């Protein structure tokens, strides 16, 4: 069926065109530009940024834990090293590099419990939370990035399990 007859456009074509024009008029030019630019951002960029932020939070917690409890180094350092490797694999900057100028002291140094056992439990919970957050990103990632994120999430889940075991 064609949209145009010998007498001009069909009633259906005119109504469809009018509806499209009305819908287009519902948003301002600026709103459409913002929506268009937002849609053009590669979803992997957003996923990678969220995953890198999560891994950086873990790295900061490990650093704060090691600063507060140096005797925990033999237990914590292997997990901290793997977290740094995850960050590197994701293309994030080194977690030990200087923070951005807008970072506050509170955002740089997480609060760590005074008890080593409580600090280890906090690390285990943080690892579990990170693993869950990363799994939540999988549906938004391309297959290649999803494999990397799944690997990091699995590692974080193992860290949580191992940190939860009394040593």
N, C-alpha and C. Protein backbone atom coordinates (compact mmCIF):
# COMPACT_ATOMS: atom_id res chain seq x y z
N UNK A 1 0.85 -1.17 0.00
CA UNK A 1 0.00 0.00 0.00
C UNK A 1 0.90 1.24 0.00
N UNK A 2 0.60 2.21 -0.83
CA UNK A 2 1.40 3.42 -0.90
C UNK A 2 0.77 4.50 -0.05
N UNK A 3 1.58 5.43 0.38
CA UNK A 3 1.10 6.53 1.22
C UNK A 3 0.45 7.61 0.38
N UNK A 4 0.59 7.55 -0.91
CA UNK A 4 0.06 8.60 -1.76
C UNK A 4 -0.83 7.98 -2.83
N UNK A 5 -2.01 8.54 -3.03
CA UNK A 5 -2.90 8.10 -4.09
C UNK A 5 -2.88 9.14 -5.18
N UNK A 6 -3.71 8.94 -6.18
CA UNK A 6 -3.78 9.92 -7.26
C UNK A 6 -4.25 11.28 -6.77
N UNK A 7 -4.96 11.29 -5.67
CA UNK A 7 -5.52 12.53 -5.14
C UNK A 7 -4.60 13.20 -4.11
N UNK A 8 -3.43 12.67 -3.85
CA UNK A 8 -2.53 13.25 -2.85
C UNK A 8 -2.25 12.25 -1.75
N UNK A 9 -1.66 12.71 -0.65
CA UNK A 9 -1.32 11.78 0.43
C UNK A 9 -2.57 11.23 1.08
N UNK A 10 -2.48 10.00 1.56
CA UNK A 10 -3.61 9.37 2.22
C UNK A 10 -3.84 10.03 3.58
N UNK A 11 -5.02 9.83 4.10
CA UNK A 11 -5.36 10.37 5.41
C UNK A 11 -4.42 9.80 6.47
N UNK A 12 -4.07 8.51 6.34
CA UNK A 12 -3.17 7.86 7.29
C UNK A 12 -1.80 8.53 7.27
N UNK A 13 -1.28 8.85 6.09
CA UNK A 13 0.03 9.48 5.98
C UNK A 13 0.01 10.88 6.59
N UNK A 14 -1.06 11.61 6.37
CA UNK A 14 -1.17 12.96 6.92
C UNK A 14 -1.22 12.90 8.45
N UNK A 15 -2.03 11.98 8.99
CA UNK A 15 -2.14 11.85 10.44
C UNK A 15 -0.82 11.41 11.06
N UNK A 16 -0.14 10.48 10.41
CA UNK A 16 1.15 10.02 10.93
C UNK A 16 2.16 11.17 10.92
N UNK A 17 2.18 11.94 9.87
CA UNK A 17 3.09 13.08 9.79
C UNK A 17 2.78 14.13 10.84
N UNK A 18 1.49 14.39 11.05
CA UNK A 18 1.09 15.37 12.05
C UNK A 18 1.47 14.88 13.45
N UNK A 19 1.27 13.59 13.71
CA UNK A 19 1.64 13.03 15.02
C UNK A 19 3.13 13.15 15.26
N UNK A 20 3.92 12.85 14.24
CA UNK A 20 5.38 12.95 14.39
C UNK A 20 5.79 14.40 14.65
N UNK A 21 5.14 15.34 13.95
CA UNK A 21 5.46 16.75 14.16
C UNK A 21 5.09 17.19 15.57
N UNK A 22 3.96 16.72 16.08
CA UNK A 22 3.57 17.06 17.45
C UNK A 22 4.55 16.50 18.46
N UNK A 23 4.95 15.25 18.27
CA UNK A 23 5.90 14.64 19.19
C UNK A 23 7.24 15.37 19.15
N UNK A 24 7.67 15.74 17.97
CA UNK A 24 8.94 16.45 17.85
C UNK A 24 8.86 17.80 18.54
N UNK A 25 7.69 18.40 18.54
CA UNK A 25 7.53 19.70 19.18
C UNK A 25 7.47 19.62 20.69
N UNK A 26 7.34 18.42 21.26
CA UNK A 26 7.23 18.27 22.71
C UNK A 26 8.55 18.52 23.42
N UNK A 27 9.64 18.43 22.71
CA UNK A 27 10.93 18.68 23.33
C UNK A 27 11.58 19.85 22.62
N UNK A 28 12.28 20.63 23.38
CA UNK A 28 12.96 21.77 22.79
C UNK A 28 14.16 21.30 21.98
N UNK A 29 14.66 22.18 21.15
CA UNK A 29 15.85 21.85 20.36
C UNK A 29 17.00 21.49 21.28
N UNK A 30 17.18 22.24 22.35
CA UNK A 30 18.29 21.97 23.28
C UNK A 30 18.12 20.61 23.94
N UNK A 31 16.89 20.26 24.35
CA UNK A 31 16.65 18.96 24.96
C UNK A 31 16.96 17.83 23.98
N UNK A 32 16.57 18.01 22.70
CA UNK A 32 16.88 16.98 21.70
C UNK A 32 18.37 16.85 21.50
N UNK A 33 19.11 17.98 21.51
CA UNK A 33 20.56 17.92 21.35
C UNK A 33 21.20 17.17 22.50
N UNK A 34 20.74 17.43 23.72
CA UNK A 34 21.28 16.74 24.90
C UNK A 34 20.97 15.25 24.81
N UNK A 35 19.72 14.91 24.46
CA UNK A 35 19.35 13.51 24.36
C UNK A 35 20.15 12.81 23.26
N UNK A 36 20.31 13.48 22.11
CA UNK A 36 21.08 12.89 21.02
C UNK A 36 22.52 12.67 21.41
N UNK A 37 23.16 13.64 22.07
CA UNK A 37 24.56 13.48 22.46
C UNK A 37 24.69 12.40 23.53
N UNK A 38 23.70 12.28 24.42
CA UNK A 38 23.73 11.25 25.46
C UNK A 38 23.61 9.87 24.82
N UNK A 39 22.75 9.75 23.81
CA UNK A 39 22.55 8.47 23.15
C UNK A 39 23.78 8.05 22.36
N UNK A 40 24.60 9.01 21.93
CA UNK A 40 25.78 8.67 21.14
C UNK A 40 26.95 8.19 21.98
N UNK A 41 26.88 8.37 23.30
CA UNK A 41 27.95 7.90 24.16
C UNK A 41 27.91 6.38 24.17
N UNK A 42 29.04 5.78 23.92
CA UNK A 42 29.15 4.33 23.92
C UNK A 42 28.77 3.80 25.30
N UNK A 43 27.81 2.87 25.38
CA UNK A 43 27.42 2.35 26.69
C UNK A 43 28.61 1.75 27.45
N UNK A 44 29.59 1.22 26.74
CA UNK A 44 30.76 0.67 27.42
C UNK A 44 31.54 1.74 28.19
N UNK A 45 31.48 2.97 27.72
CA UNK A 45 32.17 4.05 28.43
C UNK A 45 31.55 4.23 29.81
N UNK A 46 30.22 4.23 29.85
CA UNK A 46 29.53 4.38 31.14
C UNK A 46 29.77 3.17 32.04
N UNK A 47 29.71 1.98 31.47
CA UNK A 47 29.92 0.77 32.27
C UNK A 47 31.34 0.75 32.82
N UNK A 48 32.30 1.01 31.94
CA UNK A 48 33.70 0.99 32.38
C UNK A 48 33.93 2.01 33.49
N UNK A 49 33.35 3.20 33.36
CA UNK A 49 33.51 4.24 34.38
C UNK A 49 32.93 3.78 35.72
N UNK A 50 31.76 3.15 35.68
CA UNK A 50 31.14 2.67 36.92
C UNK A 50 31.97 1.56 37.56
N UNK A 51 32.49 0.66 36.74
CA UNK A 51 33.29 -0.45 37.26
C UNK A 51 34.61 0.07 37.82
N UNK A 52 35.25 0.99 37.10
CA UNK A 52 36.51 1.56 37.59
C UNK A 52 36.29 2.27 38.91
N UNK A 53 35.20 3.01 39.04
CA UNK A 53 34.90 3.70 40.30
C UNK A 53 34.74 2.71 41.45
N UNK A 54 34.07 1.60 41.18
CA UNK A 54 33.88 0.58 42.21
C UNK A 54 35.21 -0.04 42.63
N UNK A 55 36.06 -0.34 41.66
CA UNK A 55 37.36 -0.95 41.96
C UNK A 55 38.26 0.06 42.69
N UNK A 56 38.16 1.33 42.33
CA UNK A 56 38.93 2.35 43.05
C UNK A 56 38.51 2.45 44.51
N UNK A 57 37.21 2.33 44.78
CA UNK A 57 36.73 2.36 46.17
C UNK A 57 37.34 1.20 46.96
N UNK A 58 37.39 0.03 46.33
CA UNK A 58 38.01 -1.11 47.01
C UNK A 58 39.49 -0.85 47.28
N UNK A 59 40.18 -0.34 46.27
CA UNK A 59 41.62 -0.06 46.44
C UNK A 59 41.84 0.93 47.57
N UNK A 60 41.01 1.94 47.64
CA UNK A 60 41.14 2.94 48.71
C UNK A 60 40.89 2.31 50.07
N UNK A 61 39.93 1.40 50.14
CA UNK A 61 39.65 0.73 51.41
C UNK A 61 40.82 -0.17 51.80
N UNK A 62 41.40 -0.85 50.84
CA UNK A 62 42.60 -1.66 51.14
C UNK A 62 43.73 -0.78 51.65
N UNK A 63 43.96 0.34 50.98
CA UNK A 63 45.03 1.25 51.40
C UNK A 63 44.79 1.76 52.82
N UNK A 64 43.56 2.16 53.10
CA UNK A 64 43.24 2.66 54.44
C UNK A 64 43.38 1.57 55.49
N UNK A 65 43.00 0.36 55.12
CA UNK A 65 43.13 -0.76 56.06
C UNK A 65 44.59 -1.05 56.35
N UNK A 66 45.42 -1.04 55.32
CA UNK A 66 46.85 -1.28 55.52
C UNK A 66 47.49 -0.17 56.35
N UNK A 67 47.03 1.06 56.15
CA UNK A 67 47.56 2.18 56.94
C UNK A 67 47.16 2.05 58.41
N UNK A 68 45.92 1.61 58.65
CA UNK A 68 45.43 1.50 60.02
C UNK A 68 45.92 0.22 60.71
N UNK A 69 46.17 -0.81 59.94
CA UNK A 69 46.55 -2.12 60.50
C UNK A 69 47.71 -2.71 59.71
N UNK A 70 48.91 -2.19 59.87
CA UNK A 70 50.06 -2.70 59.12
C UNK A 70 50.32 -4.20 59.34
N UNK A 71 49.95 -4.71 60.48
CA UNK A 71 50.15 -6.13 60.76
C UNK A 71 49.28 -7.03 59.86
N UNK A 72 48.27 -6.46 59.23
CA UNK A 72 47.40 -7.23 58.34
C UNK A 72 48.00 -7.40 56.94
N UNK A 73 49.14 -6.79 56.69
CA UNK A 73 49.74 -6.81 55.35
C UNK A 73 49.80 -8.22 54.73
N UNK A 74 50.26 -9.26 55.45
CA UNK A 74 50.34 -10.58 54.83
C UNK A 74 48.98 -11.10 54.32
N UNK A 75 47.92 -10.73 55.02
CA UNK A 75 46.58 -11.18 54.62
C UNK A 75 46.02 -10.28 53.52
N UNK A 76 46.16 -8.98 53.68
CA UNK A 76 45.47 -8.02 52.83
C UNK A 76 46.22 -7.72 51.52
N UNK A 77 47.53 -7.71 51.55
CA UNK A 77 48.31 -7.29 50.38
C UNK A 77 48.02 -8.09 49.11
N UNK A 78 47.88 -9.41 49.16
CA UNK A 78 47.57 -10.13 47.91
C UNK A 78 46.25 -9.68 47.28
N UNK A 79 45.25 -9.41 48.11
CA UNK A 79 43.96 -8.94 47.59
C UNK A 79 44.10 -7.53 47.02
N UNK A 80 44.88 -6.71 47.72
CA UNK A 80 45.12 -5.33 47.25
C UNK A 80 45.84 -5.35 45.90
N UNK A 81 46.81 -6.26 45.74
CA UNK A 81 47.55 -6.36 44.48
C UNK A 81 46.63 -6.81 43.34
N UNK A 82 45.74 -7.74 43.62
CA UNK A 82 44.79 -8.17 42.58
C UNK A 82 43.82 -7.05 42.23
N UNK A 83 43.41 -6.28 43.20
CA UNK A 83 42.52 -5.15 42.93
C UNK A 83 43.23 -4.13 42.04
N UNK A 84 44.50 -3.88 42.29
CA UNK A 84 45.27 -2.97 41.43
C UNK A 84 45.38 -3.54 40.02
N UNK A 85 45.56 -4.85 39.89
CA UNK A 85 45.62 -5.48 38.57
C UNK A 85 44.28 -5.34 37.84
N UNK A 86 43.18 -5.45 38.57
CA UNK A 86 41.85 -5.27 37.96
C UNK A 86 41.73 -3.85 37.40
N UNK A 87 42.16 -2.90 38.20
CA UNK A 87 42.08 -1.50 37.77
C UNK A 87 42.90 -1.28 36.50
N UNK A 88 44.07 -1.85 36.47
CA UNK A 88 44.93 -1.74 35.29
C UNK A 88 44.27 -2.39 34.08
N UNK A 89 43.69 -3.57 34.24
CA UNK A 89 43.04 -4.26 33.13
C UNK A 89 41.85 -3.48 32.60
N UNK A 90 41.20 -2.74 33.48
CA UNK A 90 40.04 -1.93 33.08
C UNK A 90 40.44 -0.60 32.45
N UNK A 91 41.73 -0.31 32.47
CA UNK A 91 42.20 0.94 31.89
C UNK A 91 42.09 2.11 32.84
N UNK A 92 41.89 1.84 34.13
CA UNK A 92 41.81 2.91 35.12
C UNK A 92 43.19 3.37 35.51
N UNK A 93 43.28 4.57 36.03
CA UNK A 93 44.58 5.06 36.53
C UNK A 93 44.95 4.30 37.78
N UNK A 94 46.18 4.38 38.12
CA UNK A 94 46.67 3.71 39.32
C UNK A 94 45.95 4.26 40.54
N UNK A 95 45.43 3.39 41.40
CA UNK A 95 44.72 3.87 42.58
C UNK A 95 45.63 4.58 43.57
N UNK A 96 46.94 4.44 43.42
CA UNK A 96 47.85 5.12 44.33
C UNK A 96 48.28 6.48 43.80
N UNK A 97 47.79 6.84 42.60
CA UNK A 97 48.13 8.16 42.07
C UNK A 97 47.39 9.22 42.86
N UNK A 98 47.83 10.45 42.73
CA UNK A 98 47.23 11.52 43.53
C UNK A 98 45.78 11.72 43.14
N UNK A 99 44.94 12.04 44.11
CA UNK A 99 43.52 12.22 43.84
C UNK A 99 43.28 13.50 43.04
N UNK A 100 42.08 13.57 42.48
CA UNK A 100 41.72 14.75 41.71
C UNK A 100 41.68 15.96 42.64
N UNK A 101 41.87 17.18 42.09
CA UNK A 101 41.90 18.36 42.95
C UNK A 101 40.65 18.56 43.79
N UNK A 102 39.49 18.10 43.31
CA UNK A 102 38.25 18.30 44.05
C UNK A 102 38.00 17.25 45.12
N UNK A 103 38.88 16.26 45.25
CA UNK A 103 38.66 15.19 46.22
C UNK A 103 38.88 15.72 47.64
N UNK A 104 38.02 15.27 48.53
CA UNK A 104 38.16 15.68 49.92
C UNK A 104 38.93 14.63 50.68
N UNK A 105 39.38 14.97 51.87
CA UNK A 105 40.11 14.02 52.70
C UNK A 105 39.23 12.82 53.02
N UNK A 106 37.94 13.05 53.23
CA UNK A 106 37.03 11.96 53.55
C UNK A 106 36.90 11.00 52.38
N UNK A 107 36.90 11.51 51.15
CA UNK A 107 36.75 10.62 50.00
C UNK A 107 38.04 9.86 49.73
N UNK A 108 39.17 10.36 50.21
CA UNK A 108 40.45 9.69 49.98
C UNK A 108 40.72 8.59 51.00
N UNK A 109 40.22 8.74 52.21
CA UNK A 109 40.54 7.78 53.25
C UNK A 109 39.26 7.24 53.89
N UNK A 110 38.86 6.05 53.48
CA UNK A 110 37.67 5.46 54.11
C UNK A 110 37.91 5.19 55.59
N UNK A 111 36.85 5.16 56.35
CA UNK A 111 36.94 4.89 57.78
C UNK A 111 37.12 3.38 57.97
N UNK A 112 38.13 3.02 58.73
CA UNK A 112 38.45 1.61 58.98
C UNK A 112 38.25 1.33 60.47
N UNK A 113 37.60 0.22 60.80
CA UNK A 113 37.42 -0.13 62.22
C UNK A 113 38.77 -0.27 62.93
N UNK A 114 38.75 -0.04 64.22
CA UNK A 114 39.99 -0.14 65.00
C UNK A 114 40.41 -1.58 65.23
N UNK A 115 39.49 -2.50 65.21
CA UNK A 115 39.80 -3.91 65.38
C UNK A 115 40.18 -4.51 64.02
N UNK A 116 41.27 -5.27 64.00
CA UNK A 116 41.71 -5.92 62.76
C UNK A 116 40.66 -6.89 62.24
N UNK A 117 40.01 -7.62 63.13
CA UNK A 117 38.97 -8.57 62.72
C UNK A 117 37.79 -7.85 62.08
N UNK A 118 37.41 -6.71 62.66
CA UNK A 118 36.32 -5.92 62.08
C UNK A 118 36.73 -5.31 60.75
N UNK A 119 37.98 -4.90 60.65
CA UNK A 119 38.49 -4.34 59.39
C UNK A 119 38.47 -5.41 58.29
N UNK A 120 38.85 -6.62 58.64
CA UNK A 120 38.82 -7.71 57.66
C UNK A 120 37.38 -8.02 57.26
N UNK A 121 36.47 -8.00 58.20
CA UNK A 121 35.05 -8.23 57.89
C UNK A 121 34.52 -7.12 56.98
N UNK A 122 34.95 -5.89 57.23
CA UNK A 122 34.54 -4.77 56.37
C UNK A 122 35.05 -4.98 54.95
N UNK A 123 36.29 -5.41 54.81
CA UNK A 123 36.84 -5.70 53.49
C UNK A 123 36.03 -6.79 52.78
N UNK A 124 35.68 -7.83 53.52
CA UNK A 124 34.89 -8.92 52.94
C UNK A 124 33.54 -8.40 52.45
N UNK A 125 32.89 -7.58 53.25
CA UNK A 125 31.59 -7.01 52.85
C UNK A 125 31.75 -6.10 51.64
N UNK A 126 32.82 -5.31 51.62
CA UNK A 126 33.06 -4.40 50.49
C UNK A 126 33.32 -5.19 49.21
N UNK A 127 34.06 -6.28 49.33
CA UNK A 127 34.32 -7.12 48.16
C UNK A 127 33.02 -7.73 47.64
N UNK A 128 32.18 -8.21 48.55
CA UNK A 128 30.90 -8.81 48.15
C UNK A 128 30.02 -7.75 47.48
N UNK A 129 29.97 -6.58 48.06
CA UNK A 129 29.18 -5.49 47.49
C UNK A 129 29.70 -5.10 46.10
N UNK A 130 31.01 -5.04 45.96
CA UNK A 130 31.60 -4.71 44.66
C UNK A 130 31.26 -5.78 43.63
N UNK A 131 31.37 -7.04 44.02
CA UNK A 131 31.04 -8.13 43.10
C UNK A 131 29.59 -8.01 42.63
N UNK A 132 28.69 -7.75 43.55
CA UNK A 132 27.28 -7.59 43.20
C UNK A 132 27.07 -6.41 42.27
N UNK A 133 27.73 -5.30 42.56
CA UNK A 133 27.59 -4.11 41.71
C UNK A 133 28.12 -4.38 40.30
N UNK A 134 29.23 -5.09 40.20
CA UNK A 134 29.80 -5.38 38.88
C UNK A 134 28.89 -6.31 38.10
N UNK A 135 28.33 -7.30 38.74
CA UNK A 135 27.39 -8.20 38.06
C UNK A 135 26.21 -7.41 37.53
N UNK A 136 25.79 -6.41 38.28
CA UNK A 136 24.69 -5.56 37.84
C UNK A 136 24.99 -4.76 36.58
N UNK A 137 26.25 -4.61 36.24
CA UNK A 137 26.65 -3.86 35.04
C UNK A 137 26.73 -4.74 33.79
N UNK A 138 26.69 -6.04 33.95
CA UNK A 138 26.94 -6.94 32.82
C UNK A 138 25.95 -6.76 31.67
N UNK A 139 24.70 -6.54 31.98
CA UNK A 139 23.68 -6.40 30.93
C UNK A 139 23.85 -5.16 30.08
N UNK A 140 24.62 -4.20 30.55
CA UNK A 140 24.81 -2.95 29.82
C UNK A 140 26.10 -2.93 29.01
N UNK A 141 26.90 -3.98 29.13
CA UNK A 141 28.23 -3.99 28.51
C UNK A 141 28.23 -4.81 27.22
N UNK A 142 29.16 -4.47 26.35
CA UNK A 142 29.39 -5.27 25.15
C UNK A 142 29.92 -6.63 25.59
N UNK A 143 29.86 -7.63 24.71
CA UNK A 143 30.35 -8.96 25.11
C UNK A 143 31.79 -8.96 25.62
N UNK A 144 32.68 -8.24 24.98
CA UNK A 144 34.08 -8.22 25.41
C UNK A 144 34.24 -7.60 26.78
N UNK A 145 33.62 -6.46 26.99
CA UNK A 145 33.71 -5.80 28.29
C UNK A 145 32.98 -6.63 29.35
N UNK A 146 31.87 -7.25 28.97
CA UNK A 146 31.13 -8.08 29.93
C UNK A 146 32.00 -9.23 30.44
N UNK A 147 32.79 -9.83 29.56
CA UNK A 147 33.67 -10.92 30.00
C UNK A 147 34.69 -10.40 31.01
N UNK A 148 35.27 -9.24 30.74
CA UNK A 148 36.25 -8.66 31.67
C UNK A 148 35.60 -8.32 33.00
N UNK A 149 34.45 -7.68 32.96
CA UNK A 149 33.75 -7.29 34.19
C UNK A 149 33.33 -8.53 34.97
N UNK A 150 32.88 -9.58 34.27
CA UNK A 150 32.50 -10.82 34.95
C UNK A 150 33.70 -11.45 35.64
N UNK A 151 34.86 -11.39 34.98
CA UNK A 151 36.08 -11.94 35.59
C UNK A 151 36.45 -11.18 36.86
N UNK A 152 36.35 -9.86 36.79
CA UNK A 152 36.67 -9.04 37.96
C UNK A 152 35.65 -9.32 39.07
N UNK A 153 34.37 -9.40 38.71
CA UNK A 153 33.33 -9.68 39.70
C UNK A 153 33.56 -11.03 40.36
N UNK A 154 33.92 -12.03 39.58
CA UNK A 154 34.19 -13.36 40.16
C UNK A 154 35.37 -13.29 41.12
N UNK A 155 36.39 -12.56 40.74
CA UNK A 155 37.55 -12.41 41.62
C UNK A 155 37.16 -11.72 42.92
N UNK A 156 36.36 -10.66 42.82
CA UNK A 156 35.93 -9.94 44.02
C UNK A 156 35.10 -10.87 44.92
N UNK A 157 34.26 -11.72 44.33
CA UNK A 157 33.46 -12.65 45.12
C UNK A 157 34.37 -13.66 45.85
N UNK A 158 35.42 -14.10 45.17
CA UNK A 158 36.37 -15.01 45.82
C UNK A 158 37.10 -14.29 46.95
N UNK A 159 37.50 -13.04 46.70
CA UNK A 159 38.14 -12.25 47.77
C UNK A 159 37.22 -12.18 48.99
N UNK A 160 35.94 -11.91 48.73
CA UNK A 160 34.98 -11.80 49.85
C UNK A 160 34.93 -13.10 50.63
N UNK A 161 34.87 -14.20 49.92
CA UNK A 161 34.81 -15.51 50.59
C UNK A 161 36.08 -15.77 51.40
N UNK A 162 37.22 -15.48 50.80
CA UNK A 162 38.49 -15.75 51.50
C UNK A 162 38.70 -14.81 52.68
N UNK A 163 38.30 -13.57 52.54
CA UNK A 163 38.44 -12.63 53.65
C UNK A 163 37.47 -12.94 54.78
N UNK A 164 36.36 -13.58 54.44
CA UNK A 164 35.37 -13.92 55.45
C UNK A 164 35.77 -15.13 56.29
N UNK A 165 36.75 -15.87 55.81
CA UNK A 165 37.23 -17.05 56.54
C UNK A 165 38.22 -16.59 57.61
N UNK A 166 37.98 -16.94 58.86
CA UNK A 166 38.94 -16.55 59.91
C UNK A 166 40.31 -17.15 59.63
N UNK A 167 41.34 -16.37 59.89
CA UNK A 167 42.70 -16.85 59.63
C UNK A 167 43.42 -17.07 60.94
